Amino acid sequence: MLVAMLYTSLVYAATDEFVAHIVDIDLESAEVTLLAKDINHVEYRLAYDVRIRLANGQKGAVANLRKGNQITAVGDPDIQVLYVIQVLN
């Protein structure tokens, strides 16, 4: 039982969901700078297979992200990587 618990904790990364604003975005390096209640201008890398959903419900791409967008993001704050982005505006 202990081995199974250890294995599952190593396989699954810790993820948090939070609301933020995009302060800056660099398409070449796939990095976004976010501003939120608990984070102040923190840079996050976008996962290689990041899933982006636009405000109209359609699938989006990194090129659809803009400065000032309010987003809901799911990511790992320890390694500063985003896996899912939902654009709210």
PDB file of N, CA and C in Angstrom:
ATOM      1  N   MET A   1       0.825  -1.188   0.000  1.00  0.00           N
ATOM      2  CA  MET A   1       0.000   0.000   0.000  1.00  0.00           C
ATOM      3  C   MET A   1       0.872   1.256   0.000  1.00  0.00           C
ATOM      4  N   LEU A   2       1.912   1.251   0.805  1.00  0.00           N
ATOM      5  CA  LEU A   2       2.806   2.399   0.882  1.00  0.00           C
ATOM      6  C   LEU A   2       3.512   2.638  -0.442  1.00  0.00           C
ATOM      7  N   VAL A   3       3.911   1.574  -1.114  1.00  0.00           N
ATOM      8  CA  VAL A   3       4.572   1.697  -2.414  1.00  0.00           C
ATOM      9  C   VAL A   3       3.614   2.299  -3.444  1.00  0.00           C
ATOM     10  N   ALA A   4       2.366   1.870  -3.439  1.00  0.00           N
ATOM     11  CA  ALA A   4       1.378   2.420  -4.374  1.00  0.00           C
ATOM     12  C   ALA A   4       1.157   3.898  -4.127  1.00  0.00           C
ATOM     13  N   MET A   5       1.091   4.326  -2.887  1.00  0.00           N
ATOM     14  CA  MET A   5       0.908   5.741  -2.565  1.00  0.00           C
ATOM     15  C   MET A   5       2.115   6.561  -3.016  1.00  0.00           C
ATOM     16  N   LEU A   6       3.306   6.037  -2.808  1.00  0.00           N
ATOM     17  CA  LEU A   6       4.518   6.728  -3.232  1.00  0.00           C
ATOM     18  C   LEU A   6       4.559   6.851  -4.736  1.00  0.00           C
ATOM     19  N   TYR A   7       4.218   5.784  -5.443  1.00  0.00           N
ATOM     20  CA  TYR A   7       4.225   5.792  -6.899  1.00  0.00           C
ATOM     21  C   TYR A   7       3.244   6.821  -7.453  1.00  0.00           C
ATOM     22  N   THR A   8       2.036   6.878  -6.928  1.00  0.00           N
ATOM     23  CA  THR A   8       1.047   7.824  -7.443  1.00  0.00           C
ATOM     24  C   THR A   8       1.447   9.261  -7.149  1.00  0.00           C
ATOM     25  N   SER A   9       2.122   9.512  -6.066  1.00  0.00           N
ATOM     26  CA  SER A   9       2.547  10.878  -5.775  1.00  0.00           C
ATOM     27  C   SER A   9       3.667  11.320  -6.693  1.00  0.00           C
ATOM     28  N   LEU A  10       4.445  10.383  -7.207  1.00  0.00           N
ATOM     29  CA  LEU A  10       5.520  10.731  -8.138  1.00  0.00           C
ATOM     30  C   LEU A  10       5.022  10.885  -9.567  1.00  0.00           C
ATOM     31  N   VAL A  11       3.973  10.160  -9.918  1.00  0.00           N
ATOM     32  CA  VAL A  11       3.471  10.180 -11.282  1.00  0.00           C
ATOM     33  C   VAL A  11       2.643  11.430 -11.564  1.00  0.00           C
ATOM     34  N   TYR A  12       1.824  11.857 -10.633  1.00  0.00           N
ATOM     35  CA  TYR A  12       0.917  12.969 -10.860  1.00  0.00           C
ATOM     36  C   TYR A  12       1.480  14.258 -10.273  1.00  0.00           C
ATOM     37  N   ALA A  13       1.591  15.272 -11.128  1.00  0.00           N
ATOM     38  CA  ALA A  13       2.100  16.567 -10.671  1.00  0.00           C
ATOM     39  C   ALA A  13       1.003  17.298  -9.911  1.00  0.00           C
ATOM     40  N   ALA A  14       1.424  18.128  -8.998  1.00  0.00           N
ATOM     41  CA  ALA A  14       0.460  18.955  -8.268  1.00  0.00           C
ATOM     42  C   ALA A  14      -0.057  20.034  -9.207  1.00  0.00           C
ATOM     43  N   THR A  15      -1.364  20.186  -9.276  1.00  0.00           N
ATOM     44  CA  THR A  15      -1.938  21.209 -10.136  1.00  0.00           C
ATOM     45  C   THR A  15      -2.899  22.064  -9.336  1.00  0.00           C
ATOM     46  N   ASP A  16      -2.908  23.323  -9.670  1.00  0.00           N
ATOM     47  CA  ASP A  16      -3.821  24.279  -9.054  1.00  0.00           C
ATOM     48  C   ASP A  16      -4.577  24.994 -10.154  1.00  0.00           C
ATOM     49  N   GLU A  17      -5.815  25.401  -9.850  1.00  0.00           N
ATOM     50  CA  GLU A  17      -6.600  26.209 -10.778  1.00  0.00           C
ATOM     51  C   GLU A  17      -6.725  27.595 -10.184  1.00  0.00           C
ATOM     52  N   PHE A  18      -6.493  28.615 -11.014  1.00  0.00           N
ATOM     53  CA  PHE A  18      -6.556  29.983 -10.530  1.00  0.00           C
ATOM     54  C   PHE A  18      -6.984  30.911 -11.653  1.00  0.00           C
ATOM     55  N   VAL A  19      -7.466  32.085 -11.270  1.00  0.00           N
ATOM     56  CA  VAL A  19      -7.864  33.129 -12.209  1.00  0.00           C
ATOM     57  C   VAL A  19      -6.761  34.173 -12.228  1.00  0.00           C
ATOM     58  N   ALA A  20      -6.404  34.644 -13.420  1.00  0.00           N
ATOM     59  CA  ALA A  20      -5.319  35.620 -13.553  1.00  0.00           C
ATOM     60  C   ALA A  20      -5.540  36.477 -14.787  1.00  0.00           C
ATOM     61  N   HIS A  21      -4.730  37.522 -14.902  1.00  0.00           N
ATOM     62  CA  HIS A  21      -4.675  38.364 -16.093  1.00  0.00           C
ATOM     63  C   HIS A  21      -3.329  38.140 -16.772  1.00  0.00           C
ATOM     64  N   ILE A  22      -3.335  38.134 -18.092  1.00  0.00           N
ATOM     65  CA  ILE A  22      -2.081  38.038 -18.832  1.00  0.00           C
ATOM     66  C   ILE A  22      -1.481  39.430 -18.907  1.00  0.00           C
ATOM     67  N   VAL A  23      -0.302  39.601 -18.326  1.00  0.00           N
ATOM     68  CA  VAL A  23       0.398  40.882 -18.328  1.00  0.00           C
ATOM     69  C   VAL A  23       1.299  40.988 -19.552  1.00  0.00           C
ATOM     70  N   ASP A  24       1.936  39.875 -19.907  1.00  0.00           N
ATOM     71  CA  ASP A  24       2.830  39.852 -21.062  1.00  0.00           C
ATOM     72  C   ASP A  24       2.852  38.438 -21.610  1.00  0.00           C
ATOM     73  N   ILE A  25       3.121  38.321 -22.903  1.00  0.00           N
ATOM     74  CA  ILE A  25       3.203  37.005 -23.533  1.00  0.00           C
ATOM     75  C   ILE A  25       4.331  37.022 -24.547  1.00  0.00           C
ATOM     76  N   ASP A  26       5.139  35.982 -24.539  1.00  0.00           N
ATOM     77  CA  ASP A  26       6.232  35.816 -25.491  1.00  0.00           C
ATOM     78  C   ASP A  26       5.964  34.537 -26.267  1.00  0.00           C
ATOM     79  N   LEU A  27       5.553  34.693 -27.526  1.00  0.00           N
ATOM     80  CA  LEU A  27       5.183  33.532 -28.328  1.00  0.00           C
ATOM     81  C   LEU A  27       6.379  32.669 -28.680  1.00  0.00           C
ATOM     82  N   GLU A  28       7.545  33.273 -28.859  1.00  0.00           N
ATOM     83  CA  GLU A  28       8.730  32.510 -29.245  1.00  0.00           C
ATOM     84  C   GLU A  28       9.182  31.558 -28.152  1.00  0.00           C
ATOM     85  N   SER A  29       9.164  32.013 -26.908  1.00  0.00           N
ATOM     86  CA  SER A  29       9.607  31.156 -25.808  1.00  0.00           C
ATOM     87  C   SER A  29       8.443  30.448 -25.125  1.00  0.00           C
ATOM     88  N   ALA A  30       7.213  30.701 -25.575  1.00  0.00           N
ATOM     89  CA  ALA A  30       6.003  30.091 -25.007  1.00  0.00           C
ATOM     90  C   ALA A  30       5.905  30.361 -23.510  1.00  0.00           C
ATOM     91  N   GLU A  31       6.072  31.626 -23.137  1.00  0.00           N
ATOM     92  CA  GLU A  31       5.968  32.031 -21.741  1.00  0.00           C
ATOM     93  C   GLU A  31       4.952  33.150 -21.597  1.00  0.00           C
ATOM     94  N   VAL A  32       4.204  33.121 -20.511  1.00  0.00           N
ATOM     95  CA  VAL A  32       3.264  34.185 -20.194  1.00  0.00           C
ATOM     96  C   VAL A  32       3.571  34.709 -18.799  1.00  0.00           C
ATOM     97  N   THR A  33       3.393  36.003 -18.633  1.00  0.00           N
ATOM     98  CA  THR A  33       3.532  36.617 -17.323  1.00  0.00           C
ATOM     99  C   THR A  33       2.136  36.890 -16.813  1.00  0.00           C
ATOM    100  N   LEU A  34       1.833  36.388 -15.610  1.00  0.00           N
ATOM    101  CA  LEU A  34       0.489  36.484 -15.065  1.00  0.00           C
ATOM    102  C   LEU A  34       0.459  37.347 -13.818  1.00  0.00           C
ATOM    103  N   LEU A  35      -0.690  37.971 -13.608  1.00  0.00           N
ATOM    104  CA  LEU A  35      -0.959  38.763 -12.412  1.00  0.00           C
ATOM    105  C   LEU A  35      -2.260  38.232 -11.822  1.00  0.00           C
ATOM    106  N   ALA A  36      -2.217  37.864 -10.558  1.00  0.00           N
ATOM    107  CA  ALA A  36      -3.400  37.351  -9.880  1.00  0.00           C
ATOM    108  C   ALA A  36      -3.344  37.755  -8.419  1.00  0.00           C
ATOM    109  N   LYS A  37      -4.365  37.353  -7.681  1.00  0.00           N
ATOM    110  CA  LYS A  37      -4.444  37.707  -6.271  1.00  0.00           C
ATOM    111  C   LYS A  37      -3.230  37.205  -5.495  1.00  0.00           C
ATOM    112  N   ASP A  38      -2.854  35.953  -5.727  1.00  0.00           N
ATOM    113  CA  ASP A  38      -1.752  35.351  -4.974  1.00  0.00           C
ATOM    114  C   ASP A  38      -0.417  35.413  -5.703  1.00  0.00           C
ATOM    115  N   ILE A  39      -0.423  35.787  -6.978  1.00  0.00           N
ATOM    116  CA  ILE A  39       0.827  35.846  -7.738  1.00  0.00           C
ATOM    117  C   ILE A  39       0.967  37.222  -8.357  1.00  0.00           C
ATOM    118  N   ASN A  40       2.161  37.739  -8.348  1.00  0.00           N
ATOM    119  CA  ASN A  40       2.410  39.086  -8.834  1.00  0.00           C
ATOM    120  C   ASN A  40       3.472  39.042  -9.916  1.00  0.00           C
ATOM    121  N   HIS A  41       3.061  39.155 -11.158  1.00  0.00           N
ATOM    122  CA  HIS A  41       3.957  39.155 -12.305  1.00  0.00           C
ATOM    123  C   HIS A  41       4.884  37.939 -12.293  1.00  0.00           C
ATOM    124  N   VAL A  42       4.291  36.764 -12.311  1.00  0.00           N
ATOM    125  CA  VAL A  42       5.051  35.524 -12.322  1.00  0.00           C
ATOM    126  C   VAL A  42       5.029  34.954 -13.735  1.00  0.00           C
ATOM    127  N   GLU A  43       6.190  34.523 -14.222  1.00  0.00           N
ATOM    128  CA  GLU A  43       6.279  33.929 -15.550  1.00  0.00           C
ATOM    129  C   GLU A  43       5.971  32.443 -15.479  1.00  0.00           C
ATOM    130  N   TYR A  44       5.108  31.991 -16.373  1.00  0.00           N
ATOM    131  CA  TYR A  44       4.772  30.584 -16.503  1.00  0.00           C
ATOM    132  C   TYR A  44       5.119  30.136 -17.911  1.00  0.00           C
ATOM    133  N   ARG A  45       5.652  28.948 -18.033  1.00  0.00           N
ATOM    134  CA  ARG A  45       5.860  28.341 -19.340  1.00  0.00           C
ATOM    135  C   ARG A  45       4.591  27.603 -19.721  1.00  0.00           C
ATOM    136  N   LEU A  46       4.334  27.539 -21.005  1.00  0.00           N
ATOM    137  CA  LEU A  46       3.181  26.786 -21.489  1.00  0.00           C
ATOM    138  C   LEU A  46       3.633  25.367 -21.781  1.00  0.00           C
ATOM    139  N   ALA A  47       2.878  24.395 -21.321  1.00  0.00           N
ATOM    140  CA  ALA A  47       3.190  22.991 -21.608  1.00  0.00           C
ATOM    141  C   ALA A  47       3.161  22.781 -23.118  1.00  0.00           C
ATOM    142  N   TYR A  48       3.913  21.812 -23.577  1.00  0.00           N
ATOM    143  CA  TYR A  48       3.970  21.519 -25.008  1.00  0.00           C
ATOM    144  C   TYR A  48       2.586  21.243 -25.576  1.00  0.00           C
ATOM    145  N   ASP A  49       1.768  20.566 -24.800  1.00  0.00           N
ATOM    146  CA  ASP A  49       0.418  20.208 -25.252  1.00  0.00           C
ATOM    147  C   ASP A  49      -0.652  21.003 -24.512  1.00  0.00           C
ATOM    148  N   VAL A  50      -0.378  22.275 -24.252  1.00  0.00           N
ATOM    149  CA  VAL A  50      -1.317  23.121 -23.520  1.00  0.00           C
ATOM    150  C   VAL A  50      -2.659  23.142 -24.257  1.00  0.00           C
ATOM    151  N   ARG A  51      -3.740  23.033 -23.488  1.00  0.00           N
ATOM    152  CA  ARG A  51      -5.089  23.103 -24.068  1.00  0.00           C
ATOM    153  C   ARG A  51      -5.645  24.486 -23.798  1.00  0.00           C
ATOM    154  N   ILE A  52      -6.068  25.157 -24.858  1.00  0.00           N
ATOM    155  CA  ILE A  52      -6.599  26.523 -24.753  1.00  0.00           C
ATOM    156  C   ILE A  52      -8.023  26.527 -25.269  1.00  0.00           C
ATOM    157  N   ARG A  53      -8.918  27.083 -24.451  1.00  0.00           N
ATOM    158  CA  ARG A  53     -10.328  27.215 -24.835  1.00  0.00           C
ATOM    159  C   ARG A  53     -10.656  28.696 -24.813  1.00  0.00           C
ATOM    160  N   LEU A  54     -11.191  29.210 -25.917  1.00  0.00           N
ATOM    161  CA  LEU A  54     -11.523  30.626 -26.035  1.00  0.00           C
ATOM    162  C   LEU A  54     -12.859  30.939 -25.360  1.00  0.00           C
ATOM    163  N   ALA A  55     -13.132  32.216 -25.197  1.00  0.00           N
ATOM    164  CA  ALA A  55     -14.354  32.658 -24.517  1.00  0.00           C
ATOM    165  C   ALA A  55     -15.615  32.211 -25.254  1.00  0.00           C
ATOM    166  N   ASN A  56     -15.522  32.057 -26.567  1.00  0.00           N
ATOM    167  CA  ASN A  56     -16.689  31.621 -27.336  1.00  0.00           C
ATOM    168  C   ASN A  56     -16.863  30.103 -27.336  1.00  0.00           C
ATOM    169  N   GLY A  57     -15.987  29.388 -26.624  1.00  0.00           N
ATOM    170  CA  GLY A  57     -16.104  27.948 -26.506  1.00  0.00           C
ATOM    171  C   GLY A  57     -15.283  27.159 -27.499  1.00  0.00           C
ATOM    172  N   GLN A  58     -14.690  27.830 -28.467  1.00  0.00           N
ATOM    173  CA  GLN A  58     -13.896  27.124 -29.472  1.00  0.00           C
ATOM    174  C   GLN A  58     -12.493  26.840 -28.964  1.00  0.00           C
ATOM    175  N   LYS A  59     -11.853  25.835 -29.574  1.00  0.00           N
ATOM    176  CA  LYS A  59     -10.463  25.550 -29.250  1.00  0.00           C
ATOM    177  C   LYS A  59      -9.607  26.707 -29.736  1.00  0.00           C
ATOM    178  N   GLY A  60      -8.581  27.011 -28.962  1.00  0.00           N
ATOM    179  CA  GLY A  60      -7.703  28.102 -29.330  1.00  0.00           C
ATOM    180  C   GLY A  60      -6.264  27.650 -29.422  1.00  0.00           C
ATOM    181  N   ALA A  61      -5.412  28.593 -29.759  1.00  0.00           N
ATOM    182  CA  ALA A  61      -3.976  28.352 -29.858  1.00  0.00           C
ATOM    183  C   ALA A  61      -3.259  29.442 -29.087  1.00  0.00           C
ATOM    184  N   VAL A  62      -1.979  29.266 -28.909  1.00  0.00           N
ATOM    185  CA  VAL A  62      -1.177  30.250 -28.185  1.00  0.00           C
ATOM    186  C   VAL A  62      -1.277  31.615 -28.861  1.00  0.00           C
ATOM    187  N   ALA A  63      -1.381  31.631 -30.176  1.00  0.00           N
ATOM    188  CA  ALA A  63      -1.480  32.888 -30.922  1.00  0.00           C
ATOM    189  C   ALA A  63      -2.755  33.659 -30.593  1.00  0.00           C
ATOM    190  N   ASN A  64      -3.769  33.004 -30.019  1.00  0.00           N
ATOM    191  CA  ASN A  64      -5.017  33.676 -29.649  1.00  0.00           C
ATOM    192  C   ASN A  64      -4.921  34.414 -28.326  1.00  0.00           C
ATOM    193  N   LEU A  65      -3.886  34.160 -27.542  1.00  0.00           N
ATOM    194  CA  LEU A  65      -3.740  34.809 -26.240  1.00  0.00           C
ATOM    195  C   LEU A  65      -3.244  36.236 -26.432  1.00  0.00           C
ATOM    196  N   ARG A  66      -3.799  37.172 -25.650  1.00  0.00           N
ATOM    197  CA  ARG A  66      -3.451  38.591 -25.756  1.00  0.00           C
ATOM    198  C   ARG A  66      -3.187  39.168 -24.370  1.00  0.00           C
ATOM    199  N   LYS A  67      -2.378  40.211 -24.341  1.00  0.00           N
ATOM    200  CA  LYS A  67      -2.177  40.957 -23.095  1.00  0.00           C
ATOM    201  C   LYS A  67      -3.524  41.475 -22.634  1.00  0.00           C
ATOM    202  N   GLY A  68      -3.781  41.380 -21.349  1.00  0.00           N
ATOM    203  CA  GLY A  68      -5.042  41.859 -20.796  1.00  0.00           C
ATOM    204  C   GLY A  68      -6.130  40.812 -20.708  1.00  0.00           C
ATOM    205  N   ASN A  69      -5.947  39.661 -21.368  1.00  0.00           N
ATOM    206  CA  ASN A  69      -6.935  38.597 -21.250  1.00  0.00           C
ATOM    207  C   ASN A  69      -7.055  38.137 -19.807  1.00  0.00           C
ATOM    208  N   GLN A  70      -8.289  37.970 -19.354  1.00  0.00           N
ATOM    209  CA  GLN A  70      -8.520  37.336 -18.065  1.00  0.00           C
ATOM    210  C   GLN A  70      -8.690  35.859 -18.352  1.00  0.00           C
ATOM    211  N   ILE A  71      -8.002  35.021 -17.584  1.00  0.00           N
ATOM    212  CA  ILE A  71      -8.013  33.592 -17.854  1.00  0.00           C
ATOM    213  C   ILE A  71      -8.239  32.797 -16.568  1.00  0.00           C
ATOM    214  N   THR A  72      -8.702  31.586 -16.749  1.00  0.00           N
ATOM    215  CA  THR A  72      -8.649  30.581 -15.706  1.00  0.00           C
ATOM    216  C   THR A  72      -7.597  29.595 -16.179  1.00  0.00           C
ATOM    217  N   ALA A  73      -6.628  29.299 -15.317  1.00  0.00           N
ATOM    218  CA  ALA A  73      -5.527  28.433 -15.718  1.00  0.00           C
ATOM    219  C   ALA A  73      -5.388  27.270 -14.746  1.00  0.00           C
ATOM    220  N   VAL A  74      -4.959  26.156 -15.283  1.00  0.00           N
ATOM    221  CA  VAL A  74      -4.601  24.996 -14.475  1.00  0.00           C
ATOM    222  C   VAL A  74      -3.130  24.748 -14.731  1.00  0.00           C
ATOM    223  N   GLY A  75      -2.362  24.757 -13.657  1.00  0.00           N
ATOM    224  CA  GLY A  75      -0.928  24.577 -13.821  1.00  0.00           C
ATOM    225  C   GLY A  75      -0.269  24.085 -12.555  1.00  0.00           C
ATOM    226  N   ASP A  76       1.012  23.902 -12.656  1.00  0.00           N
ATOM    227  CA  ASP A  76       1.824  23.467 -11.528  1.00  0.00           C
ATOM    228  C   ASP A  76       2.624  24.666 -11.039  1.00  0.00           C
ATOM    229  N   PRO A  77       2.265  25.230  -9.897  1.00  0.00           N
ATOM    230  CA  PRO A  77       2.956  26.430  -9.418  1.00  0.00           C
ATOM    231  C   PRO A  77       4.393  26.167  -8.973  1.00  0.00           C
ATOM    232  N   ASP A  78       4.708  24.919  -8.655  1.00  0.00           N
ATOM    233  CA  ASP A  78       6.072  24.609  -8.220  1.00  0.00           C
ATOM    234  C   ASP A  78       7.073  24.718  -9.361  1.00  0.00           C
ATOM    235  N   ILE A  79       6.689  24.244 -10.544  1.00  0.00           N
ATOM    236  CA  ILE A  79       7.600  24.315 -11.690  1.00  0.00           C
ATOM    237  C   ILE A  79       7.160  25.376 -12.700  1.00  0.00           C
ATOM    238  N   GLN A  80       6.087  26.084 -12.397  1.00  0.00           N
ATOM    239  CA  GLN A  80       5.559  27.201 -13.178  1.00  0.00           C
ATOM    240  C   GLN A  80       5.280  26.819 -14.633  1.00  0.00           C
ATOM    241  N   VAL A  81       4.409  25.813 -14.782  1.00  0.00           N
ATOM    242  CA  VAL A  81       3.973  25.350 -16.096  1.00  0.00           C
ATOM    243  C   VAL A  81       2.454  25.354 -16.132  1.00  0.00           C
ATOM    244  N   LEU A  82       1.887  25.840 -17.240  1.00  0.00           N
ATOM    245  CA  LEU A  82       0.435  25.830 -17.428  1.00  0.00           C
ATOM    246  C   LEU A  82       0.046  24.708 -18.378  1.00  0.00           C
ATOM    247  N   TYR A  83      -1.018  23.977 -18.019  1.00  0.00           N
ATOM    248  CA  TYR A  83      -1.489  22.858 -18.825  1.00  0.00           C
ATOM    249  C   TYR A  83      -2.799  23.167 -19.538  1.00  0.00           C
ATOM    250  N   VAL A  84      -3.659  23.973 -18.922  1.00  0.00           N
ATOM    251  CA  VAL A  84      -4.964  24.306 -19.485  1.00  0.00           C
ATOM    252  C   VAL A  84      -5.213  25.798 -19.262  1.00  0.00           C
ATOM    253  N   ILE A  85      -5.710  26.461 -20.306  1.00  0.00           N
ATOM    254  CA  ILE A  85      -6.064  27.882 -20.204  1.00  0.00           C
ATOM    255  C   ILE A  85      -7.460  28.074 -20.765  1.00  0.00           C
ATOM    256  N   GLN A  86      -8.317  28.693 -19.993  1.00  0.00           N
ATOM    257  CA  GLN A  86      -9.667  29.075 -20.447  1.00  0.00           C
ATOM    258  C   GLN A  86      -9.702  30.591 -20.483  1.00  0.00           C
ATOM    259  N   VAL A  87      -9.853  31.163 -21.677  1.00  0.00           N
ATOM    260  CA  VAL A  87      -9.919  32.619 -21.826  1.00  0.00           C
ATOM    261  C   VAL A  87     -11.326  33.063 -21.453  1.00  0.00           C
ATOM    262  N   LEU A  88     -11.434  34.037 -20.569  1.00  0.00           N
ATOM    263  CA  LEU A  88     -12.724  34.500 -20.083  1.00  0.00           C
ATOM    264  C   LEU A  88     -13.238  35.740 -20.808  1.00  0.00           C
ATOM    265  N   ASN A  89     -12.338  36.488 -21.450  1.00  0.00           N
ATOM    266  CA  ASN A  89     -12.788  37.694 -22.176  1.00  0.00           C
ATOM    267  C   ASN A  89     -12.106  37.813 -23.505  1.00  0.00           C
TER     268      ASN A  89
END
